[in-house]
Amino acid sequence: MRRKFRDDPVFKAKHTKRVRANDKRYGRKRAALVKFFRSAGCLLCSEKEHCCLTAHHVKPALKEFEISNGSSGKMSPTRLAAELKKCICLCMNCHAKVHAKVLKVPRGTLSLPRSSTG
């Protein structure tokens, strides 16, 4: 396949077009997942502005990757949804306070319902 990609310009053009179309489609799915995750707003305060919200891993030991890397890279929507299930939605202020141990996160709370992956 590498040889065909390198030597056949028609195959290369078709393949490149398919890859770009798939990248756009998966990008839209990843963006929709993150938008849905942020739709409820901050778990600890009343902030609902999407640009102020971030994902906080409830159990950092289970973290496989950071949400920002998964949503902007070429991560599959399925893997991103699985990682979002391990997170809660917090505004940046509450997120900093949780890490500084000024605020505590209620146990057993997740922002992404199990039925909305896909």
N, C-alpha and C. Protein backbone atom coordinates (compact mmCIF):
# COMPACT_ATOMS: atom_id res chain seq x y z
N MET A 1 0.83 -1.19 0.00
CA MET A 1 0.00 0.00 0.00
C MET A 1 0.88 1.25 0.00
N ARG A 2 1.97 1.22 0.74
CA ARG A 2 2.87 2.39 0.74
C ARG A 2 3.42 2.65 -0.65
N ARG A 3 3.76 1.58 -1.35
CA ARG A 3 4.29 1.74 -2.70
C ARG A 3 3.22 2.31 -3.62
N LYS A 4 2.00 1.81 -3.49
CA LYS A 4 0.90 2.31 -4.33
C LYS A 4 0.62 3.78 -4.00
N PHE A 5 0.65 4.13 -2.73
CA PHE A 5 0.44 5.52 -2.32
C PHE A 5 1.53 6.42 -2.91
N ARG A 6 2.76 5.94 -2.89
CA ARG A 6 3.88 6.74 -3.39
C ARG A 6 3.89 6.83 -4.91
N ASP A 7 3.54 5.72 -5.61
CA ASP A 7 3.70 5.67 -7.07
C ASP A 7 2.46 6.02 -7.87
N ASP A 8 1.28 5.91 -7.28
CA ASP A 8 0.04 6.13 -8.03
C ASP A 8 -0.61 7.44 -7.56
N PRO A 9 -0.50 8.51 -8.37
CA PRO A 9 -1.05 9.80 -7.94
C PRO A 9 -2.58 9.80 -7.82
N VAL A 10 -3.28 9.00 -8.60
CA VAL A 10 -4.74 8.94 -8.52
C VAL A 10 -5.14 8.29 -7.19
N PHE A 11 -4.49 7.18 -6.84
CA PHE A 11 -4.76 6.51 -5.57
C PHE A 11 -4.44 7.44 -4.40
N LYS A 12 -3.32 8.13 -4.50
CA LYS A 12 -2.90 9.05 -3.43
C LYS A 12 -3.94 10.15 -3.22
N ALA A 13 -4.45 10.72 -4.31
CA ALA A 13 -5.45 11.79 -4.21
C ALA A 13 -6.75 11.27 -3.59
N LYS A 14 -7.22 10.09 -4.02
CA LYS A 14 -8.45 9.52 -3.46
C LYS A 14 -8.28 9.19 -1.98
N HIS A 15 -7.14 8.60 -1.65
CA HIS A 15 -6.88 8.24 -0.25
C HIS A 15 -6.82 9.48 0.63
N THR A 16 -6.13 10.50 0.18
CA THR A 16 -6.00 11.75 0.94
C THR A 16 -7.37 12.39 1.14
N LYS A 17 -8.21 12.37 0.11
CA LYS A 17 -9.56 12.93 0.21
C LYS A 17 -10.38 12.18 1.25
N ARG A 18 -10.30 10.82 1.25
CA ARG A 18 -11.04 10.01 2.22
C ARG A 18 -10.57 10.28 3.64
N VAL A 19 -9.26 10.39 3.83
CA VAL A 19 -8.71 10.63 5.16
C VAL A 19 -9.17 11.99 5.68
N ARG A 20 -9.15 13.00 4.84
CA ARG A 20 -9.60 14.34 5.27
C ARG A 20 -11.08 14.35 5.61
N ALA A 21 -11.89 13.63 4.83
CA ALA A 21 -13.33 13.57 5.11
C ALA A 21 -13.58 12.87 6.44
N ASN A 22 -12.86 11.78 6.70
CA ASN A 22 -13.01 11.06 7.96
C ASN A 22 -12.54 11.92 9.14
N ASP A 23 -11.46 12.65 8.96
CA ASP A 23 -10.96 13.53 10.02
C ASP A 23 -12.00 14.59 10.39
N LYS A 24 -12.66 15.16 9.38
CA LYS A 24 -13.70 16.16 9.64
C LYS A 24 -14.89 15.54 10.36
N ARG A 25 -15.29 14.34 9.91
CA ARG A 25 -16.44 13.67 10.52
C ARG A 25 -16.16 13.33 11.99
N TYR A 26 -15.00 12.75 12.26
CA TYR A 26 -14.64 12.42 13.63
C TYR A 26 -14.43 13.68 14.47
N GLY A 27 -13.93 14.74 13.86
CA GLY A 27 -13.76 16.00 14.58
C GLY A 27 -15.10 16.56 15.04
N ARG A 28 -16.11 16.46 14.18
CA ARG A 28 -17.45 16.92 14.56
C ARG A 28 -18.02 16.07 15.69
N LYS A 29 -17.78 14.76 15.65
CA LYS A 29 -18.27 13.87 16.71
C LYS A 29 -17.57 14.19 18.04
N ARG A 30 -16.26 14.41 17.99
CA ARG A 30 -15.52 14.75 19.22
C ARG A 30 -16.01 16.08 19.79
N ALA A 31 -16.23 17.05 18.92
CA ALA A 31 -16.71 18.36 19.37
C ALA A 31 -18.10 18.24 20.00
N ALA A 32 -18.95 17.41 19.42
CA ALA A 32 -20.30 17.22 19.98
C ALA A 32 -20.23 16.54 21.35
N LEU A 33 -19.32 15.60 21.52
CA LEU A 33 -19.17 14.95 22.83
C LEU A 33 -18.74 15.95 23.89
N VAL A 34 -17.76 16.77 23.57
CA VAL A 34 -17.27 17.75 24.54
C VAL A 34 -18.35 18.79 24.82
N LYS A 35 -19.08 19.20 23.79
CA LYS A 35 -20.16 20.17 23.99
C LYS A 35 -21.24 19.60 24.90
N PHE A 36 -21.60 18.34 24.71
CA PHE A 36 -22.60 17.71 25.56
C PHE A 36 -22.08 17.60 26.99
N PHE A 37 -20.81 17.24 27.14
CA PHE A 37 -20.20 17.11 28.46
C PHE A 37 -20.29 18.44 29.22
N ARG A 38 -20.06 19.54 28.53
CA ARG A 38 -20.07 20.86 29.16
C ARG A 38 -21.47 21.45 29.30
N SER A 39 -22.48 20.84 28.71
CA SER A 39 -23.81 21.44 28.65
C SER A 39 -24.46 21.66 30.02
N ALA A 40 -24.15 20.83 30.99
CA ALA A 40 -24.76 20.98 32.33
C ALA A 40 -24.08 22.08 33.14
N GLY A 41 -22.90 22.49 32.75
CA GLY A 41 -22.19 23.53 33.48
C GLY A 41 -21.34 22.95 34.60
N CYS A 42 -20.79 23.83 35.41
CA CYS A 42 -19.92 23.43 36.51
C CYS A 42 -20.72 22.68 37.57
N LEU A 43 -20.15 21.62 38.05
CA LEU A 43 -20.80 20.80 39.07
C LEU A 43 -20.87 21.50 40.42
N LEU A 44 -19.92 22.40 40.69
CA LEU A 44 -19.83 23.02 42.01
C LEU A 44 -20.37 24.44 42.10
N CYS A 45 -20.52 25.11 40.97
CA CYS A 45 -21.06 26.47 41.00
C CYS A 45 -22.03 26.65 39.83
N SER A 46 -22.43 27.86 39.56
CA SER A 46 -23.45 28.11 38.53
C SER A 46 -22.87 28.46 37.17
N GLU A 47 -21.58 28.33 36.96
CA GLU A 47 -20.94 28.70 35.68
C GLU A 47 -21.42 27.77 34.57
N LYS A 48 -21.87 28.36 33.45
CA LYS A 48 -22.34 27.58 32.31
C LYS A 48 -21.66 27.98 31.01
N GLU A 49 -20.80 28.96 31.03
CA GLU A 49 -20.11 29.42 29.81
C GLU A 49 -19.10 28.36 29.38
N HIS A 50 -19.27 27.86 28.15
CA HIS A 50 -18.45 26.74 27.68
C HIS A 50 -16.96 27.03 27.70
N CYS A 51 -16.56 28.26 27.43
CA CYS A 51 -15.13 28.58 27.39
C CYS A 51 -14.49 28.53 28.77
N CYS A 52 -15.28 28.55 29.82
CA CYS A 52 -14.76 28.52 31.19
C CYS A 52 -14.75 27.13 31.80
N LEU A 53 -15.30 26.14 31.10
CA LEU A 53 -15.47 24.81 31.67
C LEU A 53 -14.36 23.86 31.23
N THR A 54 -14.02 22.95 32.11
CA THR A 54 -12.95 21.99 31.84
C THR A 54 -13.32 20.64 32.46
N ALA A 55 -12.63 19.60 32.03
CA ALA A 55 -12.87 18.26 32.56
C ALA A 55 -11.88 17.98 33.68
N HIS A 56 -12.41 17.44 34.79
CA HIS A 56 -11.57 17.08 35.93
C HIS A 56 -11.69 15.58 36.14
N HIS A 57 -10.56 14.88 36.10
CA HIS A 57 -10.55 13.44 36.35
C HIS A 57 -10.78 13.19 37.83
N VAL A 58 -11.82 12.45 38.15
CA VAL A 58 -12.17 12.16 39.53
C VAL A 58 -11.09 11.29 40.17
N LYS A 59 -10.62 10.30 39.43
CA LYS A 59 -9.54 9.42 39.90
C LYS A 59 -8.36 9.55 38.94
N PRO A 60 -7.38 10.38 39.27
CA PRO A 60 -6.26 10.62 38.35
C PRO A 60 -5.48 9.36 37.99
N ALA A 61 -5.50 8.35 38.82
CA ALA A 61 -4.77 7.11 38.53
C ALA A 61 -5.35 6.39 37.31
N LEU A 62 -6.63 6.61 37.02
CA LEU A 62 -7.29 5.95 35.88
C LEU A 62 -7.18 6.76 34.59
N LYS A 63 -6.57 7.94 34.66
CA LYS A 63 -6.48 8.82 33.49
C LYS A 63 -5.55 8.23 32.44
N GLU A 64 -6.07 8.08 31.22
CA GLU A 64 -5.26 7.59 30.10
C GLU A 64 -4.65 8.74 29.31
N PHE A 65 -5.42 9.81 29.16
CA PHE A 65 -4.94 10.99 28.44
C PHE A 65 -5.76 12.19 28.89
N GLU A 66 -5.26 13.38 28.57
CA GLU A 66 -5.99 14.59 28.91
C GLU A 66 -7.05 14.85 27.85
N ILE A 67 -8.18 15.32 28.29
CA ILE A 67 -9.31 15.55 27.39
C ILE A 67 -8.94 16.53 26.28
N SER A 68 -8.17 17.55 26.60
CA SER A 68 -7.79 18.53 25.57
C SER A 68 -6.98 17.88 24.47
N ASN A 69 -6.14 16.91 24.79
CA ASN A 69 -5.36 16.21 23.77
C ASN A 69 -6.25 15.29 22.94
N GLY A 70 -7.21 14.66 23.57
CA GLY A 70 -8.10 13.76 22.85
C GLY A 70 -9.08 14.47 21.95
N SER A 71 -9.55 15.62 22.35
CA SER A 71 -10.55 16.33 21.54
C SER A 71 -9.92 17.10 20.40
N SER A 72 -8.65 17.47 20.51
CA SER A 72 -8.01 18.23 19.43
C SER A 72 -7.17 17.35 18.53
N GLY A 73 -6.77 16.17 18.99
CA GLY A 73 -5.95 15.27 18.19
C GLY A 73 -6.80 14.37 17.34
N LYS A 74 -6.27 13.21 17.01
CA LYS A 74 -7.01 12.26 16.19
C LYS A 74 -7.51 11.08 17.02
N MET A 75 -7.96 11.37 18.23
CA MET A 75 -8.50 10.35 19.11
C MET A 75 -9.89 9.95 18.61
N SER A 76 -10.22 8.67 18.74
CA SER A 76 -11.55 8.23 18.29
C SER A 76 -12.60 8.76 19.27
N PRO A 77 -13.80 9.04 18.76
CA PRO A 77 -14.88 9.50 19.64
C PRO A 77 -15.21 8.49 20.73
N THR A 78 -15.06 7.21 20.45
CA THR A 78 -15.34 6.18 21.45
C THR A 78 -14.38 6.28 22.63
N ARG A 79 -13.09 6.42 22.34
CA ARG A 79 -12.10 6.55 23.41
C ARG A 79 -12.29 7.85 24.18
N LEU A 80 -12.63 8.93 23.48
CA LEU A 80 -12.87 10.20 24.14
C LEU A 80 -14.07 10.11 25.07
N ALA A 81 -15.15 9.45 24.62
CA ALA A 81 -16.34 9.28 25.46
C ALA A 81 -16.02 8.45 26.70
N ALA A 82 -15.20 7.41 26.52
CA ALA A 82 -14.82 6.58 27.67
C ALA A 82 -14.01 7.39 28.68
N GLU A 83 -13.16 8.28 28.19
CA GLU A 83 -12.36 9.10 29.09
C GLU A 83 -13.22 10.17 29.77
N LEU A 84 -14.20 10.71 29.05
CA LEU A 84 -15.10 11.70 29.64
C LEU A 84 -15.95 11.09 30.76
N LYS A 85 -16.22 9.80 30.69
CA LYS A 85 -16.99 9.13 31.75
C LYS A 85 -16.23 9.13 33.07
N LYS A 86 -14.92 9.29 33.01
CA LYS A 86 -14.09 9.30 34.21
C LYS A 86 -13.96 10.71 34.79
N CYS A 87 -14.61 11.68 34.16
CA CYS A 87 -14.43 13.08 34.52
C CYS A 87 -15.73 13.72 34.99
N ILE A 88 -15.57 14.85 35.65
CA ILE A 88 -16.69 15.73 35.98
C ILE A 88 -16.39 17.09 35.37
N CYS A 89 -17.43 17.84 35.12
CA CYS A 89 -17.28 19.16 34.51
C CYS A 89 -17.17 20.21 35.60
N LEU A 90 -16.08 20.97 35.56
CA LEU A 90 -15.85 22.05 36.52
C LEU A 90 -15.43 23.30 35.76
N CYS A 91 -15.75 24.47 36.33
CA CYS A 91 -15.21 25.70 35.76
C CYS A 91 -13.74 25.78 36.16
N MET A 92 -12.99 26.63 35.50
CA MET A 92 -11.56 26.71 35.77
C MET A 92 -11.25 27.15 37.20
N ASN A 93 -12.09 28.03 37.76
CA ASN A 93 -11.87 28.46 39.14
C ASN A 93 -12.08 27.31 40.12
N CYS A 94 -13.18 26.60 39.99
CA CYS A 94 -13.45 25.47 40.88
C CYS A 94 -12.40 24.37 40.67
N HIS A 95 -11.97 24.17 39.42
CA HIS A 95 -10.95 23.17 39.13
C HIS A 95 -9.66 23.48 39.88
N ALA A 96 -9.25 24.73 39.85
CA ALA A 96 -8.04 25.14 40.57
C ALA A 96 -8.22 24.96 42.08
N LYS A 97 -9.41 25.29 42.57
CA LYS A 97 -9.68 25.14 44.01
C LYS A 97 -9.70 23.67 44.43
N VAL A 98 -10.19 22.79 43.57
CA VAL A 98 -10.20 21.36 43.89
C VAL A 98 -8.76 20.85 43.98
N HIS A 99 -7.92 21.27 43.04
CA HIS A 99 -6.52 20.83 43.06
C HIS A 99 -5.76 21.43 44.25
N ALA A 100 -6.16 22.60 44.68
CA ALA A 100 -5.53 23.23 45.85
C ALA A 100 -6.13 22.72 47.16
N LYS A 101 -7.11 21.81 47.03
CA LYS A 101 -7.80 21.22 48.18
C LYS A 101 -8.59 22.24 49.01
N VAL A 102 -9.05 23.29 48.35
CA VAL A 102 -9.93 24.27 48.98
C VAL A 102 -11.38 23.78 48.89
N LEU A 103 -11.73 23.15 47.78
CA LEU A 103 -13.06 22.56 47.57
C LEU A 103 -12.94 21.05 47.46
N LYS A 104 -14.02 20.36 47.80
CA LYS A 104 -14.07 18.91 47.63
C LYS A 104 -15.17 18.57 46.63
N VAL A 105 -14.92 17.53 45.86
CA VAL A 105 -15.89 17.07 44.88
C VAL A 105 -16.77 16.01 45.52
N PRO A 106 -18.09 16.13 45.38
CA PRO A 106 -18.98 15.08 45.91
C PRO A 106 -18.69 13.74 45.23
N ARG A 107 -18.64 12.69 45.99
CA ARG A 107 -18.34 11.35 45.44
C ARG A 107 -19.51 10.83 44.62
N GLY A 108 -19.17 10.05 43.59
CA GLY A 108 -20.19 9.37 42.80
C GLY A 108 -20.93 10.25 41.81
N THR A 109 -20.37 11.41 41.48
CA THR A 109 -21.05 12.29 40.53
C THR A 109 -20.28 12.34 39.22
N LEU A 110 -20.99 12.14 38.13
CA LEU A 110 -20.41 12.25 36.80
C LEU A 110 -21.31 13.11 35.95
N SER A 111 -20.72 13.86 35.01
CA SER A 111 -21.49 14.79 34.19
C SER A 111 -22.02 14.16 32.91
N LEU A 112 -21.45 13.04 32.46
CA LEU A 112 -21.84 12.46 31.19
C LEU A 112 -22.66 11.19 31.42
N PRO A 113 -23.96 11.20 31.08
CA PRO A 113 -24.77 9.99 31.25
C PRO A 113 -24.25 8.86 30.37
N ARG A 114 -24.39 7.64 30.81
CA ARG A 114 -23.86 6.47 30.12
C ARG A 114 -24.56 6.24 28.77
N SER A 115 -25.80 6.68 28.63
CA SER A 115 -26.55 6.38 27.41
C SER A 115 -26.23 7.30 26.25
N SER A 116 -25.44 8.36 26.44
CA SER A 116 -25.25 9.35 25.38
C SER A 116 -23.92 9.21 24.66
N THR A 117 -23.27 8.08 24.69
CA THR A 117 -22.00 7.92 23.98
C THR A 117 -22.28 7.52 22.55
N GLY A 118 -21.51 8.08 21.63
CA GLY A 118 -21.67 7.67 20.25
C GLY A 118 -21.78 8.79 19.38
